[in-house]
Every structure is written in C-alpha cells, then in structure tokens.
Amino acid sequence: MGQASPTIKCRKCGATFEPDMKSKEKWSCPSCQTKNPNLKRHYRSVADLCILGLVLGLIIVAVRIKDAGLNVPVLLFFADSALLLLTIVAVYRSRAPWADSRVKLLIWITFGVALLGNVVVPLILSGRLNLIAVILYTVIFAYLLWLNAQAAKCTPSADPPVVTK
C-alpha cells in the first residue's frame, strides 16, 4: 500500500499540486507559475541546525566531563541530545514536515528548550546575559515564525468529510 504524495497549496492562486520533492529549488505552481518556498528544504535546514547543535554540544560536554566529571548539567545535556536526535529523525522521516503537526511541535519544543538552557537558565543562575545566544535565538525564532507562516499558507486544508444518507 503506497503513501500519497505530499501536496502543497500555491500561495498565490490556491491550486493544490504535488511539488518536486527532489528539487532544491523553489516549487513552481503548474497553474500560475508562482514560485512557492521549498518547504522540504527549509525543514531540513532546521534539522541541520539541530545536527549542528548536537555536534557542538557533544564537544562542549566532552570538555566538561574531562574537567569536572559527570554532573547534573552534563546529564541534562544528554536529555537535550535525545530531544535533538528525535527532532532530526522526525524531520528527515516525515514526507511532508510542513503539514505534520507533531514535527512542528517537536521543533518548537526543541528550540524552546535550547533557549531556556542557553539564555534563560544562565541569566537566572549567574545574572549574565549571553548576548551572542540572544542574537542567535532571535534569528532562529524569526526564521521558525516565517517558516510556520509559509507552512500555514501552503498546507492544503483537509477535505471535508463525506456525508452519506
């Protein structure tokens, strides 16, 4: 039993079409030729950010374990690593991550936890604001908001249920 191909709705004319999932370019609407964002590529970029965070985090944790041994922050990082890994796998396995509410929720949770761990908790515990992290997360959350808006514009609504008498 094959799965249906993912579809998107054109932002301009509203026509629903199957995008070229192998393309790295914007998706052109066959009806009006409007260029729609390649949502698969954008969601994979978010997963790539998670991969980068996982690799950088592993390096930092390796240094911390060498210096201070196993402690609570290191254990919390391992929990965060599991969340990052789960998000990466969910995005890459989803045929249409822009329409998958679980994938989108997981992305928001992952980056929310990262913001808490890298900006809010250090601010509360030490009174220091990591300005680089604030700028980085401002850019990331602006991108996530833009991506969420594009996904909402391009996700076809579900067909209404068929009523039989």
Protein backbone atom coordinates (compact mmCIF):
# COMPACT_ATOMS: atom_id res chain seq x y z
CA MET A 1 0.00 0.00 0.00
CA GLY A 2 1.75 3.19 -1.21
CA GLN A 3 1.55 6.51 0.52
CA ALA A 4 0.03 9.50 -1.23
CA SER A 5 2.49 12.06 -2.50
CA PRO A 6 2.77 15.23 -0.44
CA THR A 7 0.91 18.22 -1.82
CA ILE A 8 1.10 21.95 -1.25
CA LYS A 9 -1.25 24.82 -1.96
CA CYS A 10 0.02 27.68 -4.11
CA ARG A 11 0.36 30.87 -2.09
CA LYS A 12 -0.98 32.96 -4.99
CA CYS A 13 -3.76 31.05 -6.76
CA GLY A 14 -4.56 28.40 -4.14
CA ALA A 15 -4.19 25.47 -6.56
CA THR A 16 -3.05 22.24 -4.91
CA PHE A 17 -0.15 20.40 -6.56
CA GLU A 18 2.50 17.78 -5.91
CA PRO A 19 5.88 19.51 -5.62
CA ASP A 20 9.10 18.03 -6.98
CA MET A 21 10.42 16.56 -3.73
CA LYS A 22 13.90 16.00 -5.23
CA SER A 23 14.35 19.62 -6.26
CA LYS A 24 16.42 22.03 -4.22
CA GLU A 25 14.83 24.99 -5.99
CA LYS A 26 11.57 26.76 -5.18
CA TRP A 27 8.44 24.84 -6.14
CA SER A 28 6.62 26.33 -9.17
CA CYS A 29 2.86 26.16 -9.29
CA PRO A 30 1.78 24.42 -12.51
CA SER A 31 -1.32 26.67 -12.70
CA CYS A 32 0.13 30.17 -12.30
CA GLN A 33 3.93 29.56 -12.27
CA THR A 34 4.32 31.31 -8.89
CA LYS A 35 7.44 30.28 -7.02
CA ASN A 36 6.49 28.71 -3.68
CA PRO A 37 9.04 28.01 -0.94
CA ASN A 38 10.62 24.57 -1.00
CA LEU A 39 9.30 23.60 2.42
CA LYS A 40 11.11 20.27 2.46
CA ARG A 41 14.45 22.06 2.06
CA HIS A 42 13.57 24.62 4.77
CA TYR A 43 12.53 21.96 7.28
CA ARG A 44 15.70 20.00 6.52
CA SER A 45 17.64 23.20 7.24
CA VAL A 46 16.02 23.28 10.67
CA ALA A 47 17.09 19.65 11.19
CA ASP A 48 20.60 20.65 10.10
CA LEU A 49 20.60 23.31 12.84
CA CYS A 50 19.74 20.54 15.29
CA ILE A 51 22.64 18.44 13.95
CA LEU A 52 24.98 21.41 14.42
CA GLY A 53 23.70 21.92 17.96
CA LEU A 54 24.17 18.24 18.74
CA VAL A 55 27.75 18.16 17.45
CA LEU A 56 28.76 21.40 19.20
CA GLY A 57 27.06 20.24 22.39
CA LEU A 58 28.89 16.92 22.33
CA ILE A 59 32.21 18.73 22.01
CA ILE A 60 31.38 21.04 24.93
CA VAL A 61 30.18 18.13 27.08
CA ALA A 62 33.30 16.11 26.33
CA VAL A 63 35.41 19.00 27.60
CA ARG A 64 33.21 19.45 30.69
CA ILE A 65 33.33 15.74 31.53
CA LYS A 66 37.11 15.83 31.22
CA ASP A 67 37.32 18.85 33.54
CA ALA A 68 34.55 18.24 36.09
CA GLY A 69 33.33 14.70 35.54
CA LEU A 70 29.73 13.62 35.26
CA ASN A 71 27.38 16.17 36.85
CA VAL A 72 23.81 17.46 36.57
CA PRO A 73 24.41 19.87 33.63
CA VAL A 74 26.06 17.04 31.68
CA LEU A 75 23.13 14.73 32.39
CA LEU A 76 20.70 17.46 31.29
CA PHE A 77 22.67 17.83 28.08
CA PHE A 78 22.22 14.12 27.37
CA ALA A 79 18.46 14.56 27.74
CA ASP A 80 18.65 17.57 25.40
CA SER A 81 20.71 15.48 22.96
CA ALA A 82 17.95 12.89 22.87
CA LEU A 83 15.45 15.65 22.04
CA LEU A 84 17.71 16.98 19.29
CA LEU A 85 18.16 13.49 17.84
CA LEU A 86 14.41 12.83 17.96
CA THR A 87 13.75 16.10 16.13
CA ILE A 88 16.36 15.34 13.45
CA VAL A 89 14.91 11.89 12.80
CA ALA A 90 11.31 13.17 12.80
CA VAL A 91 12.06 15.90 10.24
CA TYR A 92 14.03 13.62 7.93
CA ARG A 93 11.50 10.76 8.13
CA SER A 94 8.44 12.91 7.53
CA ARG A 95 7.27 13.01 3.91
CA ALA A 96 5.70 16.43 4.49
CA PRO A 97 7.09 18.01 7.69
CA TRP A 98 5.31 21.30 6.92
CA ALA A 99 1.96 19.52 7.35
CA ASP A 100 2.97 17.27 10.26
CA SER A 101 1.80 18.90 13.49
CA ARG A 102 3.96 16.55 15.60
CA VAL A 103 7.12 17.53 13.73
CA LYS A 104 6.32 21.23 14.01
CA LEU A 105 5.57 20.91 17.74
CA LEU A 106 8.80 18.96 18.28
CA ILE A 107 10.80 21.70 16.53
CA TRP A 108 9.25 24.40 18.76
CA ILE A 109 9.88 22.34 21.89
CA THR A 110 13.48 21.65 20.87
CA PHE A 111 14.32 25.28 20.23
CA GLY A 112 12.35 26.43 23.28
CA VAL A 113 14.39 24.08 25.49
CA ALA A 114 17.58 25.32 23.82
CA LEU A 115 16.60 28.94 24.51
CA LEU A 116 15.87 28.12 28.14
CA GLY A 117 19.12 26.21 28.58
CA ASN A 118 21.36 28.70 26.81
CA VAL A 119 19.82 32.05 27.70
CA VAL A 120 17.23 31.93 30.49
CA VAL A 121 18.85 29.49 32.95
CA PRO A 122 22.33 31.11 32.76
CA LEU A 123 20.69 34.52 33.24
CA ILE A 124 18.82 33.31 36.33
CA LEU A 125 21.73 31.38 37.84
CA SER A 126 24.59 33.77 37.17
CA GLY A 127 22.90 37.05 36.27
CA ARG A 128 24.82 37.15 32.98
CA LEU A 129 23.14 37.60 29.63
CA ASN A 130 24.79 35.76 26.74
CA LEU A 131 24.31 38.37 24.03
CA ILE A 132 25.57 36.08 21.26
CA ALA A 133 22.98 33.45 22.22
CA VAL A 134 20.23 36.10 22.37
CA ILE A 135 21.08 37.27 18.84
CA LEU A 136 21.33 33.70 17.57
CA TYR A 137 17.97 32.66 19.03
CA THR A 138 16.33 35.87 17.80
CA VAL A 139 17.37 34.95 14.26
CA ILE A 140 16.35 31.29 14.69
CA PHE A 141 12.93 32.12 16.14
CA ALA A 142 12.30 34.72 13.42
CA TYR A 143 13.10 32.02 10.83
CA LEU A 144 10.84 29.49 12.60
CA LEU A 145 7.98 32.01 12.68
CA TRP A 146 8.46 32.75 8.97
CA LEU A 147 8.60 29.02 8.18
CA ASN A 148 5.48 28.36 10.24
CA ALA A 149 3.65 31.14 8.34
CA GLN A 150 4.77 29.71 4.97
CA ALA A 151 3.69 26.21 6.01
CA ALA A 152 0.27 27.55 7.03
CA LYS A 153 -0.15 29.31 3.66
CA CYS A 154 0.98 26.28 1.65
CA THR A 155 -0.69 23.43 3.51
CA PRO A 156 -3.88 22.32 1.80
CA SER A 157 -6.86 22.10 4.09
CA ALA A 158 -8.19 18.63 4.72
CA ASP A 159 -11.11 17.65 2.57
CA PRO A 160 -14.40 17.92 4.45
CA PRO A 161 -15.81 14.56 5.48
CA VAL A 162 -18.21 12.97 3.05
CA VAL A 163 -21.71 12.75 4.50
CA THR A 164 -23.80 9.84 3.31
CA LYS A 165 -27.52 9.47 3.91
